[in-house]
Amino acid sequence: MPITTKSRDRFARLISAASAQQLCLTACKDIRTGKPADVICIAQEINGTHAFIPIARLFRGDPYNEVTLPGHDAPKMI
C-alpha cells in the first residue's frame, strides 16, 4: 500500500516544524468517540493569535496491536 502525497506533505511539515521548535503535544478529544486523543500539533502565531494545527496522532495503546508493519502478515498481540 503506497504512502499518499498528503501524508508525505504532512510528514515534511512535521519535520520542518520540529526544526523550528514549533511542535507541541496536546490533549485533545476524538470527535467521533469523545475519548481522549494525544495529538502532535504545530504551534504557530497567526495574526497575533496562537494557533495549534494538528499534524499527527499518537497511539494510546500498544501500536503493535493496532497496525501491521511493512513485511509482516499480522500484528503481534502483546
PDB file of N, CA and C in Angstrom:
ATOM      1  N   MET A   1       0.843  -1.162   0.000  1.00  0.00           N
ATOM      2  CA  MET A   1       0.000   0.000   0.000  1.00  0.00           C
ATOM      3  C   MET A   1       0.904   1.246   0.000  1.00  0.00           C
ATOM      4  N   PRO A   2       0.775   2.120  -0.979  1.00  0.00           N
ATOM      5  CA  PRO A   2       1.663   3.288  -1.070  1.00  0.00           C
ATOM      6  C   PRO A   2       1.268   4.387  -0.076  1.00  0.00           C
ATOM      7  N   ILE A   3       2.238   5.188   0.295  1.00  0.00           N
ATOM      8  CA  ILE A   3       2.000   6.346   1.159  1.00  0.00           C
ATOM      9  C   ILE A   3       1.449   7.465   0.284  1.00  0.00           C
ATOM     10  N   THR A   4       0.404   8.124   0.758  1.00  0.00           N
ATOM     11  CA  THR A   4      -0.245   9.170  -0.039  1.00  0.00           C
ATOM     12  C   THR A   4       0.595  10.445  -0.085  1.00  0.00           C
ATOM     13  N   THR A   5       0.342  11.245  -1.090  1.00  0.00           N
ATOM     14  CA  THR A   5       1.020  12.538  -1.218  1.00  0.00           C
ATOM     15  C   THR A   5       0.680  13.428  -0.034  1.00  0.00           C
ATOM     16  N   LYS A   6      -0.565  13.385   0.407  1.00  0.00           N
ATOM     17  CA  LYS A   6      -0.985  14.190   1.556  1.00  0.00           C
ATOM     18  C   LYS A   6      -0.188  13.806   2.805  1.00  0.00           C
ATOM     19  N   SER A   7       0.025  12.504   3.013  1.00  0.00           N
ATOM     20  CA  SER A   7       0.814  12.056   4.166  1.00  0.00           C
ATOM     21  C   SER A   7       2.264  12.484   4.040  1.00  0.00           C
ATOM     22  N   ARG A   8       2.809  12.417   2.837  1.00  0.00           N
ATOM     23  CA  ARG A   8       4.194  12.877   2.628  1.00  0.00           C
ATOM     24  C   ARG A   8       4.322  14.370   2.921  1.00  0.00           C
ATOM     25  N   ASP A   9       3.335  15.138   2.490  1.00  0.00           N
ATOM     26  CA  ASP A   9       3.339  16.589   2.749  1.00  0.00           C
ATOM     27  C   ASP A   9       3.252  16.880   4.248  1.00  0.00           C
ATOM     28  N   ARG A  10       2.390  16.162   4.951  1.00  0.00           N
ATOM     29  CA  ARG A  10       2.265  16.352   6.401  1.00  0.00           C
ATOM     30  C   ARG A  10       3.551  15.972   7.123  1.00  0.00           C
ATOM     31  N   PHE A  11       4.194  14.899   6.669  1.00  0.00           N
ATOM     32  CA  PHE A  11       5.450  14.486   7.280  1.00  0.00           C
ATOM     33  C   PHE A  11       6.523  15.554   7.072  1.00  0.00           C
ATOM     34  N   ALA A  12       6.594  16.098   5.872  1.00  0.00           N
ATOM     35  CA  ALA A  12       7.570  17.161   5.593  1.00  0.00           C
ATOM     36  C   ALA A  12       7.288  18.386   6.469  1.00  0.00           C
ATOM     37  N   ARG A  13       6.018  18.685   6.661  1.00  0.00           N
ATOM     38  CA  ARG A  13       5.633  19.814   7.511  1.00  0.00           C
ATOM     39  C   ARG A  13       6.009  19.542   8.975  1.00  0.00           C
ATOM     40  N   LEU A  14       5.852  18.300   9.403  1.00  0.00           N
ATOM     41  CA  LEU A  14       6.232  17.898  10.750  1.00  0.00           C
ATOM     42  C   LEU A  14       7.740  18.076  10.963  1.00  0.00           C
ATOM     43  N   ILE A  15       8.532  17.637  10.017  1.00  0.00           N
ATOM     44  CA  ILE A  15       9.991  17.766  10.101  1.00  0.00           C
ATOM     45  C   ILE A  15      10.389  19.239  10.150  1.00  0.00           C
ATOM     46  N   SER A  16       9.771  20.044   9.305  1.00  0.00           N
ATOM     47  CA  SER A  16      10.054  21.473   9.274  1.00  0.00           C
ATOM     48  C   SER A  16       9.703  22.139  10.609  1.00  0.00           C
ATOM     49  N   ALA A  17       8.545  21.797  11.161  1.00  0.00           N
ATOM     50  CA  ALA A  17       8.117  22.371  12.438  1.00  0.00           C
ATOM     51  C   ALA A  17       9.042  21.929  13.570  1.00  0.00           C
ATOM     52  N   ALA A  18       9.514  20.691  13.518  1.00  0.00           N
ATOM     53  CA  ALA A  18      10.445  20.210  14.537  1.00  0.00           C
ATOM     54  C   ALA A  18      11.748  21.006  14.486  1.00  0.00           C
ATOM     55  N   SER A  19      12.236  21.270  13.291  1.00  0.00           N
ATOM     56  CA  SER A  19      13.461  22.052  13.126  1.00  0.00           C
ATOM     57  C   SER A  19      13.297  23.468  13.669  1.00  0.00           C
ATOM     58  N   ALA A  20      12.089  24.012  13.544  1.00  0.00           N
ATOM     59  CA  ALA A  20      11.797  25.379  14.008  1.00  0.00           C
ATOM     60  C   ALA A  20      11.320  25.393  15.465  1.00  0.00           C
ATOM     61  N   GLN A  21      11.336  24.240  16.130  1.00  0.00           N
ATOM     62  CA  GLN A  21      10.883  24.100  17.518  1.00  0.00           C
ATOM     63  C   GLN A  21       9.458  24.618  17.697  1.00  0.00           C
ATOM     64  N   GLN A  22       8.572  24.208  16.786  1.00  0.00           N
ATOM     65  CA  GLN A  22       7.184  24.634  16.813  1.00  0.00           C
ATOM     66  C   GLN A  22       6.217  23.496  17.139  1.00  0.00           C
ATOM     67  N   LEU A  23       6.724  22.381  17.632  1.00  0.00           N
ATOM     68  CA  LEU A  23       5.852  21.251  17.930  1.00  0.00           C
ATOM     69  C   LEU A  23       5.415  21.259  19.388  1.00  0.00           C
ATOM     70  N   CYS A  24       4.213  20.778  19.623  1.00  0.00           N
ATOM     71  CA  CYS A  24       3.748  20.586  20.989  1.00  0.00           C
ATOM     72  C   CYS A  24       2.857  19.343  21.026  1.00  0.00           C
ATOM     73  N   LEU A  25       2.751  18.768  22.197  1.00  0.00           N
ATOM     74  CA  LEU A  25       1.879  17.624  22.422  1.00  0.00           C
ATOM     75  C   LEU A  25       0.646  18.142  23.154  1.00  0.00           C
ATOM     76  N   THR A  26      -0.514  17.873  22.620  1.00  0.00           N
ATOM     77  CA  THR A  26      -1.747  18.381  23.204  1.00  0.00           C
ATOM     78  C   THR A  26      -2.711  17.246  23.531  1.00  0.00           C
ATOM     79  N   ALA A  27      -3.465  17.446  24.592  1.00  0.00           N
ATOM     80  CA  ALA A  27      -4.513  16.504  24.963  1.00  0.00           C
ATOM     81  C   ALA A  27      -5.787  16.977  24.278  1.00  0.00           C
ATOM     82  N   CYS A  28      -6.283  16.174  23.377  1.00  0.00           N
ATOM     83  CA  CYS A  28      -7.476  16.521  22.604  1.00  0.00           C
ATOM     84  C   CYS A  28      -8.572  15.499  22.868  1.00  0.00           C
ATOM     85  N   LYS A  29      -9.678  15.655  22.149  1.00  0.00           N
ATOM     86  CA  LYS A  29     -10.779  14.705  22.253  1.00  0.00           C
ATOM     87  C   LYS A  29     -11.165  14.260  20.856  1.00  0.00           C
ATOM     88  N   ASP A  30     -11.323  12.961  20.685  1.00  0.00           N
ATOM     89  CA  ASP A  30     -11.745  12.391  19.412  1.00  0.00           C
ATOM     90  C   ASP A  30     -13.181  12.822  19.130  1.00  0.00           C
ATOM     91  N   ILE A  31     -13.418  13.413  17.984  1.00  0.00           N
ATOM     92  CA  ILE A  31     -14.743  13.920  17.628  1.00  0.00           C
ATOM     93  C   ILE A  31     -15.760  12.791  17.550  1.00  0.00           C
ATOM     94  N   ARG A  32     -15.352  11.651  16.986  1.00  0.00           N
ATOM     95  CA  ARG A  32     -16.297  10.540  16.791  1.00  0.00           C
ATOM     96  C   ARG A  32     -16.643   9.800  18.074  1.00  0.00           C
ATOM     97  N   THR A  33     -15.631   9.578  18.926  1.00  0.00           N
ATOM     98  CA  THR A  33     -15.857   8.742  20.109  1.00  0.00           C
ATOM     99  C   THR A  33     -15.957   9.529  21.414  1.00  0.00           C
ATOM    100  N   GLY A  34     -15.437  10.748  21.433  1.00  0.00           N
ATOM    101  CA  GLY A  34     -15.407  11.539  22.659  1.00  0.00           C
ATOM    102  C   GLY A  34     -14.287  11.136  23.602  1.00  0.00           C
ATOM    103  N   LYS A  35     -13.479  10.140  23.200  1.00  0.00           N
ATOM    104  CA  LYS A  35     -12.375   9.662  24.040  1.00  0.00           C
ATOM    105  C   LYS A  35     -11.164  10.589  23.901  1.00  0.00           C
ATOM    106  N   PRO A  36     -10.280  10.581  24.910  1.00  0.00           N
ATOM    107  CA  PRO A  36      -9.063  11.395  24.830  1.00  0.00           C
ATOM    108  C   PRO A  36      -8.178  10.971  23.654  1.00  0.00           C
ATOM    109  N   ALA A  37      -7.484  11.935  23.093  1.00  0.00           N
ATOM    110  CA  ALA A  37      -6.561  11.682  21.982  1.00  0.00           C
ATOM    111  C   ALA A  37      -5.309  12.528  22.199  1.00  0.00           C
ATOM    112  N   ASP A  38      -4.141  11.906  22.120  1.00  0.00           N
ATOM    113  CA  ASP A  38      -2.868  12.614  22.228  1.00  0.00           C
ATOM    114  C   ASP A  38      -2.439  13.018  20.820  1.00  0.00           C
ATOM    115  N   VAL A  39      -2.256  14.320  20.602  1.00  0.00           N
ATOM    116  CA  VAL A  39      -2.029  14.843  19.260  1.00  0.00           C
ATOM    117  C   VAL A  39      -0.781  15.715  19.223  1.00  0.00           C
ATOM    118  N   ILE A  40       0.052  15.490  18.214  1.00  0.00           N
ATOM    119  CA  ILE A  40       1.188  16.373  17.964  1.00  0.00           C
ATOM    120  C   ILE A  40       0.669  17.517  17.104  1.00  0.00           C
ATOM    121  N   CYS A  41       0.906  18.740  17.575  1.00  0.00           N
ATOM    122  CA  CYS A  41       0.440  19.922  16.851  1.00  0.00           C
ATOM    123  C   CYS A  41       1.616  20.825  16.506  1.00  0.00           C
ATOM    124  N   ILE A  42       1.430  21.587  15.451  1.00  0.00           N
ATOM    125  CA  ILE A  42       2.340  22.674  15.132  1.00  0.00           C
ATOM    126  C   ILE A  42       1.763  23.910  15.819  1.00  0.00           C
ATOM    127  N   ALA A  43       2.573  24.552  16.645  1.00  0.00           N
ATOM    128  CA  ALA A  43       2.145  25.759  17.344  1.00  0.00           C
ATOM    129  C   ALA A  43       2.688  26.964  16.581  1.00  0.00           C
ATOM    130  N   GLN A  44       1.785  27.802  16.114  1.00  0.00           N
ATOM    131  CA  GLN A  44       2.172  28.981  15.339  1.00  0.00           C
ATOM    132  C   GLN A  44       1.405  30.188  15.833  1.00  0.00           C
ATOM    133  N   GLU A  45       1.965  31.347  15.585  1.00  0.00           N
ATOM    134  CA  GLU A  45       1.241  32.581  15.848  1.00  0.00           C
ATOM    135  C   GLU A  45       0.725  33.092  14.506  1.00  0.00           C
ATOM    136  N   ILE A  46      -0.574  33.233  14.401  1.00  0.00           N
ATOM    137  CA  ILE A  46      -1.213  33.705  13.169  1.00  0.00           C
ATOM    138  C   ILE A  46      -2.029  34.934  13.509  1.00  0.00           C
ATOM    139  N   ASN A  47      -1.644  36.065  12.912  1.00  0.00           N
ATOM    140  CA  ASN A  47      -2.331  37.335  13.167  1.00  0.00           C
ATOM    141  C   ASN A  47      -2.412  37.662  14.651  1.00  0.00           C
ATOM    142  N   GLY A  48      -1.328  37.421  15.382  1.00  0.00           N
ATOM    143  CA  GLY A  48      -1.281  37.737  16.799  1.00  0.00           C
ATOM    144  C   GLY A  48      -1.980  36.740  17.708  1.00  0.00           C
ATOM    145  N   THR A  49      -2.526  35.675  17.150  1.00  0.00           N
ATOM    146  CA  THR A  49      -3.226  34.659  17.929  1.00  0.00           C
ATOM    147  C   THR A  49      -2.477  33.335  17.822  1.00  0.00           C
ATOM    148  N   HIS A  50      -2.361  32.639  18.937  1.00  0.00           N
ATOM    149  CA  HIS A  50      -1.715  31.324  18.906  1.00  0.00           C
ATOM    150  C   HIS A  50      -2.654  30.314  18.265  1.00  0.00           C
ATOM    151  N   ALA A  51      -2.118  29.562  17.324  1.00  0.00           N
ATOM    152  CA  ALA A  51      -2.902  28.544  16.621  1.00  0.00           C
ATOM    153  C   ALA A  51      -2.205  27.198  16.787  1.00  0.00           C
ATOM    154  N   PHE A  52      -3.002  26.165  16.949  1.00  0.00           N
ATOM    155  CA  PHE A  52      -2.499  24.794  17.048  1.00  0.00           C
ATOM    156  C   PHE A  52      -3.045  24.021  15.862  1.00  0.00           C
ATOM    157  N   ILE A  53      -2.138  23.508  15.042  1.00  0.00           N
ATOM    158  CA  ILE A  53      -2.509  22.781  13.838  1.00  0.00           C
ATOM    159  C   ILE A  53      -2.210  21.299  14.073  1.00  0.00           C
ATOM    160  N   PRO A  54      -3.248  20.463  14.194  1.00  0.00           N
ATOM    161  CA  PRO A  54      -2.996  19.030  14.431  1.00  0.00           C
ATOM    162  C   PRO A  54      -2.316  18.400  13.220  1.00  0.00           C
ATOM    163  N   ILE A  55      -1.255  17.647  13.500  1.00  0.00           N
ATOM    164  CA  ILE A  55      -0.479  17.081  12.398  1.00  0.00           C
ATOM    165  C   ILE A  55      -0.330  15.562  12.508  1.00  0.00           C
ATOM    166  N   ALA A  56      -0.368  15.020  13.741  1.00  0.00           N
ATOM    167  CA  ALA A  56      -0.213  13.571  13.921  1.00  0.00           C
ATOM    168  C   ALA A  56      -0.850  13.152  15.240  1.00  0.00           C
ATOM    169  N   ARG A  57      -1.325  11.935  15.259  1.00  0.00           N
ATOM    170  CA  ARG A  57      -1.960  11.394  16.460  1.00  0.00           C
ATOM    171  C   ARG A  57      -1.097  10.256  16.991  1.00  0.00           C
ATOM    172  N   LEU A  58      -0.918  10.208  18.290  1.00  0.00           N
ATOM    173  CA  LEU A  58      -0.121   9.158  18.904  1.00  0.00           C
ATOM    174  C   LEU A  58      -1.007   7.987  19.304  1.00  0.00           C
ATOM    175  N   PHE A  59      -0.405   6.812  19.337  1.00  0.00           N
ATOM    176  CA  PHE A  59      -1.110   5.623  19.798  1.00  0.00           C
ATOM    177  C   PHE A  59      -1.326   5.736  21.295  1.00  0.00           C
ATOM    178  N   ARG A  60      -2.481   5.366  21.756  1.00  0.00           N
ATOM    179  CA  ARG A  60      -2.759   5.319  23.200  1.00  0.00           C
ATOM    180  C   ARG A  60      -2.413   3.942  23.748  1.00  0.00           C
ATOM    181  N   GLY A  61      -2.612   2.919  22.940  1.00  0.00           N
ATOM    182  CA  GLY A  61      -2.301   1.556  23.366  1.00  0.00           C
ATOM    183  C   GLY A  61      -0.979   1.120  22.747  1.00  0.00           C
ATOM    184  N   ASP A  62      -0.794  -0.168  22.687  1.00  0.00           N
ATOM    185  CA  ASP A  62       0.409  -0.730  22.088  1.00  0.00           C
ATOM    186  C   ASP A  62       0.269  -0.683  20.568  1.00  0.00           C
ATOM    187  N   PRO A  63       1.132   0.076  19.882  1.00  0.00           N
ATOM    188  CA  PRO A  63       0.986   0.197  18.425  1.00  0.00           C
ATOM    189  C   PRO A  63       1.097  -1.125  17.685  1.00  0.00           C
ATOM    190  N   TYR A  64       1.812  -2.101  18.255  1.00  0.00           N
ATOM    191  CA  TYR A  64       1.935  -3.407  17.600  1.00  0.00           C
ATOM    192  C   TYR A  64       0.596  -4.141  17.563  1.00  0.00           C
ATOM    193  N   ASN A  65      -0.336  -3.731  18.408  1.00  0.00           N
ATOM    194  CA  ASN A  65      -1.665  -4.336  18.410  1.00  0.00           C
ATOM    195  C   ASN A  65      -2.633  -3.587  17.492  1.00  0.00           C
ATOM    196  N   GLU A  66      -2.193  -2.467  16.934  1.00  0.00           N
ATOM    197  CA  GLU A  66      -3.091  -1.631  16.140  1.00  0.00           C
ATOM    198  C   GLU A  66      -2.738  -1.533  14.660  1.00  0.00           C
ATOM    199  N   VAL A  67      -1.495  -1.814  14.305  1.00  0.00           N
ATOM    200  CA  VAL A  67      -1.090  -1.712  12.900  1.00  0.00           C
ATOM    201  C   VAL A  67      -0.240  -2.914  12.511  1.00  0.00           C
ATOM    202  N   THR A  68      -0.202  -3.184  11.231  1.00  0.00           N
ATOM    203  CA  THR A  68       0.685  -4.192  10.676  1.00  0.00           C
ATOM    204  C   THR A  68       1.833  -3.463   9.990  1.00  0.00           C
ATOM    205  N   LEU A  69       3.042  -3.779  10.385  1.00  0.00           N
ATOM    206  CA  LEU A  69       4.220  -3.122   9.821  1.00  0.00           C
ATOM    207  C   LEU A  69       4.570  -3.714   8.460  1.00  0.00           C
ATOM    208  N   PRO A  70       5.255  -2.954   7.628  1.00  0.00           N
ATOM    209  CA  PRO A  70       5.656  -3.475   6.315  1.00  0.00           C
ATOM    210  C   PRO A  70       6.452  -4.773   6.462  1.00  0.00           C
ATOM    211  N   GLY A  71       6.116  -5.742   5.651  1.00  0.00           N
ATOM    212  CA  GLY A  71       6.824  -7.017   5.664  1.00  0.00           C
ATOM    213  C   GLY A  71       6.295  -8.013   6.679  1.00  0.00           C
ATOM    214  N   HIS A  72       5.229  -7.652   7.409  1.00  0.00           N
ATOM    215  CA  HIS A  72       4.644  -8.551   8.400  1.00  0.00           C
ATOM    216  C   HIS A  72       3.218  -8.884   7.973  1.00  0.00           C
ATOM    217  N   ASP A  73       2.818 -10.128   8.175  1.00  0.00           N
ATOM    218  CA  ASP A  73       1.474 -10.564   7.776  1.00  0.00           C
ATOM    219  C   ASP A  73       0.390 -10.135   8.746  1.00  0.00           C
ATOM    220  N   ALA A  74       0.693 -10.177  10.040  1.00  0.00           N
ATOM    221  CA  ALA A  74      -0.321  -9.843  11.050  1.00  0.00           C
ATOM    222  C   ALA A  74       0.361  -9.167  12.227  1.00  0.00           C
ATOM    223  N   PRO A  75      -0.345  -8.305  12.938  1.00  0.00           N
ATOM    224  CA  PRO A  75       0.265  -7.646  14.092  1.00  0.00           C
ATOM    225  C   PRO A  75       0.522  -8.632  15.211  1.00  0.00           C
ATOM    226  N   LYS A  76       1.548  -8.338  16.019  1.00  0.00           N
ATOM    227  CA  LYS A  76       1.818  -9.123  17.202  1.00  0.00           C
ATOM    228  C   LYS A  76       0.819  -8.704  18.287  1.00  0.00           C
ATOM    229  N   MET A  77       0.313  -9.634  18.999  1.00  0.00           N
ATOM    230  CA  MET A  77      -0.565  -9.316  20.122  1.00  0.00           C
ATOM    231  C   MET A  77       0.273  -9.394  21.394  1.00  0.00           C
ATOM    232  N   ILE A  78       0.511  -8.255  22.011  1.00  0.00           N
ATOM    233  CA  ILE A  78       1.366  -8.177  23.203  1.00  0.00           C
ATOM    234  C   ILE A  78       0.504  -7.948  24.418  1.00  0.00           C
TER     235      ILE A  78
END
